[in-house]
Amino acid sequence: MARVLVTGMSGAGKSTLLDELSRRGYQAVDTDYDGWTLPDGTWDEPRMAALLAGRGEVVVSGTVENQGRFYDRFEHVVLLSAPLTVLLDRTARRSNNPYGKTAEQAAEIERYVDEVEPLLRRVATAELDGRRPVEELAEIVEQLLAATS
């Protein structure tokens, strides 16, 4: 049973990567959707605990304040990163998520890159460049899943 967390800043490509892994047949949970994140911006801890206690492979994506409580339940924590200019461009242009379109949100993303991304980098077992083709990124995550199954 392999569990992988894909984390990183808004616009790094987490949702796109999860969509590709889902297309390839993996259980993929994007915690930005379907009630995984509570109104305070943290994960629903009982729900996440139940997911990670289950059998089988799962790839989870998200970046929330309480994700560290679950690191010991993931075989890999993958930081998906990209330069700030890429993050800001992607969040401004995307149509599947409204976050990142205002000047205030862009400033927040910049602050998170400075303050949060270094913390994520310290706990990551792998860091991937979110500018790589999604097919390549999915292959790397598949290799991580296979290596720990």
Protein backbone atom coordinates (compact mmCIF):
# COMPACT_ATOMS: atom_id res chain seq x y z
CA MET A 1 0.00 0.00 0.00
CA ALA A 2 1.58 3.27 -1.12
CA ARG A 3 0.44 6.74 -0.25
CA VAL A 4 1.90 9.88 -1.81
CA LEU A 5 1.19 13.50 -0.90
CA VAL A 6 1.72 16.06 -3.64
CA THR A 7 2.04 19.50 -2.10
CA GLY A 8 3.13 22.94 -3.26
CA MET A 9 1.98 26.43 -3.97
CA SER A 10 -1.12 27.43 -5.94
CA GLY A 11 -0.39 27.20 -9.63
CA ALA A 12 2.37 24.59 -9.34
CA GLY A 13 0.27 22.02 -11.20
CA LYS A 14 -1.00 19.75 -8.41
CA SER A 15 -4.55 19.45 -9.77
CA THR A 16 -3.30 18.84 -13.31
CA LEU A 17 -0.97 16.11 -12.06
CA LEU A 18 -3.74 14.47 -10.05
CA ASP A 19 -6.06 14.56 -13.05
CA GLU A 20 -3.41 12.72 -15.08
CA LEU A 21 -2.84 10.12 -12.35
CA SER A 22 -6.59 9.60 -12.05
CA ARG A 23 -6.79 9.14 -15.82
CA ARG A 24 -4.14 6.44 -15.44
CA GLY A 25 -6.31 4.60 -12.92
CA TYR A 26 -4.92 5.73 -9.59
CA GLN A 27 -7.07 6.84 -6.70
CA ALA A 28 -6.36 10.57 -6.58
CA VAL A 29 -7.80 12.97 -4.02
CA ASP A 30 -7.51 16.71 -4.66
CA THR A 31 -8.27 18.17 -1.24
CA ASP A 32 -9.24 21.53 -2.76
CA TYR A 33 -12.57 19.93 -3.71
CA ASP A 34 -15.34 17.72 -2.34
CA GLY A 35 -15.24 18.89 1.27
CA TRP A 36 -11.78 17.67 2.25
CA THR A 37 -10.86 21.14 3.47
CA LEU A 38 -12.86 22.71 6.28
CA PRO A 39 -13.96 26.38 6.34
CA ASP A 40 -10.85 27.24 8.40
CA GLY A 41 -8.64 25.97 5.55
CA THR A 42 -7.46 22.79 7.28
CA TRP A 43 -8.09 19.20 6.28
CA ASP A 44 -11.02 17.32 7.76
CA GLU A 45 -8.78 15.21 9.99
CA PRO A 46 -11.12 12.25 10.67
CA ARG A 47 -11.90 11.97 6.97
CA MET A 48 -8.21 12.16 5.97
CA ALA A 49 -7.26 9.63 8.65
CA ALA A 50 -9.89 7.22 7.33
CA LEU A 51 -8.65 7.65 3.76
CA LEU A 52 -5.05 6.97 4.73
CA ALA A 53 -6.00 3.99 6.90
CA GLY A 54 -7.60 2.27 3.92
CA ARG A 55 -5.90 -0.29 1.77
CA GLY A 56 -4.55 0.48 -1.66
CA GLU A 57 -2.62 3.18 -3.38
CA VAL A 58 -3.70 6.77 -3.09
CA VAL A 59 -2.27 10.09 -4.20
CA VAL A 60 -3.42 13.12 -2.24
CA SER A 61 -2.78 16.73 -3.17
CA GLY A 62 -3.08 19.85 -1.13
CA THR A 63 -1.28 22.41 0.94
CA VAL A 64 -2.90 23.12 4.30
CA GLU A 65 -1.75 24.09 7.75
CA ASN A 66 -2.45 20.72 9.38
CA GLN A 67 -1.00 18.43 6.70
CA GLY A 68 2.06 17.81 8.85
CA ARG A 69 -0.08 15.73 11.19
CA PHE A 70 -0.29 13.15 8.40
CA TYR A 71 3.28 13.05 7.04
CA ASP A 72 4.02 9.79 8.86
CA ARG A 73 1.20 8.11 6.92
CA PHE A 74 2.65 8.96 3.51
CA GLU A 75 5.52 7.01 2.00
CA HIS A 76 6.44 10.09 -0.04
CA VAL A 77 5.83 13.82 0.28
CA VAL A 78 6.39 15.37 -3.13
CA LEU A 79 6.91 19.11 -3.41
CA LEU A 80 5.76 20.34 -6.80
CA SER A 81 7.40 23.71 -7.36
CA ALA A 82 7.72 26.40 -10.00
CA PRO A 83 9.11 29.94 -10.12
CA LEU A 84 6.87 32.67 -8.73
CA THR A 85 6.29 34.18 -12.19
CA VAL A 86 4.95 30.84 -13.42
CA LEU A 87 2.69 30.43 -10.38
CA LEU A 88 1.23 33.92 -10.79
CA ASP A 89 0.68 33.49 -14.51
CA ARG A 90 -1.01 30.13 -14.10
CA THR A 91 -3.31 31.24 -11.29
CA ALA A 92 -4.30 34.36 -13.22
CA ARG A 93 -5.17 32.35 -16.35
CA ARG A 94 -6.75 29.19 -14.99
CA SER A 95 -10.47 28.66 -15.26
CA ASN A 96 -10.95 25.73 -12.86
CA ASN A 97 -10.10 27.60 -9.63
CA PRO A 98 -10.84 31.25 -8.76
CA TYR A 99 -7.95 31.62 -6.31
CA GLY A 100 -5.06 33.81 -7.41
CA LYS A 101 -6.88 36.28 -9.61
CA THR A 102 -6.78 39.35 -7.32
CA ALA A 103 -3.78 41.48 -6.39
CA GLU A 104 -4.26 40.49 -2.75
CA GLN A 105 -4.21 36.80 -3.61
CA ALA A 106 -1.13 37.24 -5.81
CA ALA A 107 0.63 38.92 -2.89
CA GLU A 108 -0.46 36.03 -0.67
CA ILE A 109 1.01 33.51 -3.12
CA GLU A 110 4.27 35.46 -3.13
CA ARG A 111 4.34 35.45 0.69
CA TYR A 112 3.62 31.71 0.76
CA VAL A 113 6.50 31.06 -1.66
CA ASP A 114 8.81 32.93 0.71
CA GLU A 115 7.47 31.56 3.99
CA VAL A 116 5.74 28.21 3.40
CA GLU A 117 7.55 26.63 0.47
CA PRO A 118 10.88 26.39 2.38
CA LEU A 119 9.08 24.51 5.15
CA LEU A 120 7.60 22.10 2.60
CA ARG A 121 10.99 21.65 0.99
CA ARG A 122 12.47 20.51 4.32
CA VAL A 123 9.99 17.64 4.72
CA ALA A 124 9.69 16.63 1.07
CA THR A 125 11.10 13.28 0.04
CA ALA A 126 11.17 14.50 -3.56
CA GLU A 127 10.90 17.84 -5.33
CA LEU A 128 9.60 18.03 -8.88
CA ASP A 129 9.64 20.97 -11.28
CA GLY A 130 6.02 21.81 -12.09
CA ARG A 131 7.09 23.16 -15.50
CA ARG A 132 7.85 19.64 -16.71
CA PRO A 133 5.25 17.96 -18.92
CA VAL A 134 2.49 16.45 -16.82
CA GLU A 135 3.10 13.03 -18.40
CA GLU A 136 6.69 13.05 -17.08
CA LEU A 137 5.57 14.14 -13.63
CA ALA A 138 2.95 11.38 -13.53
CA GLU A 139 5.57 8.79 -14.52
CA ILE A 140 7.78 9.88 -11.62
CA VAL A 141 4.92 9.63 -9.14
CA GLU A 142 4.02 6.21 -10.57
CA GLN A 143 7.62 5.12 -9.94
CA LEU A 144 7.36 6.32 -6.33
CA LEU A 145 4.12 4.39 -5.90
CA ALA A 146 5.65 1.24 -7.40
CA ALA A 147 8.81 1.49 -5.28
CA THR A 148 6.81 1.50 -2.06
CA SER A 149 4.06 -0.99 -2.92
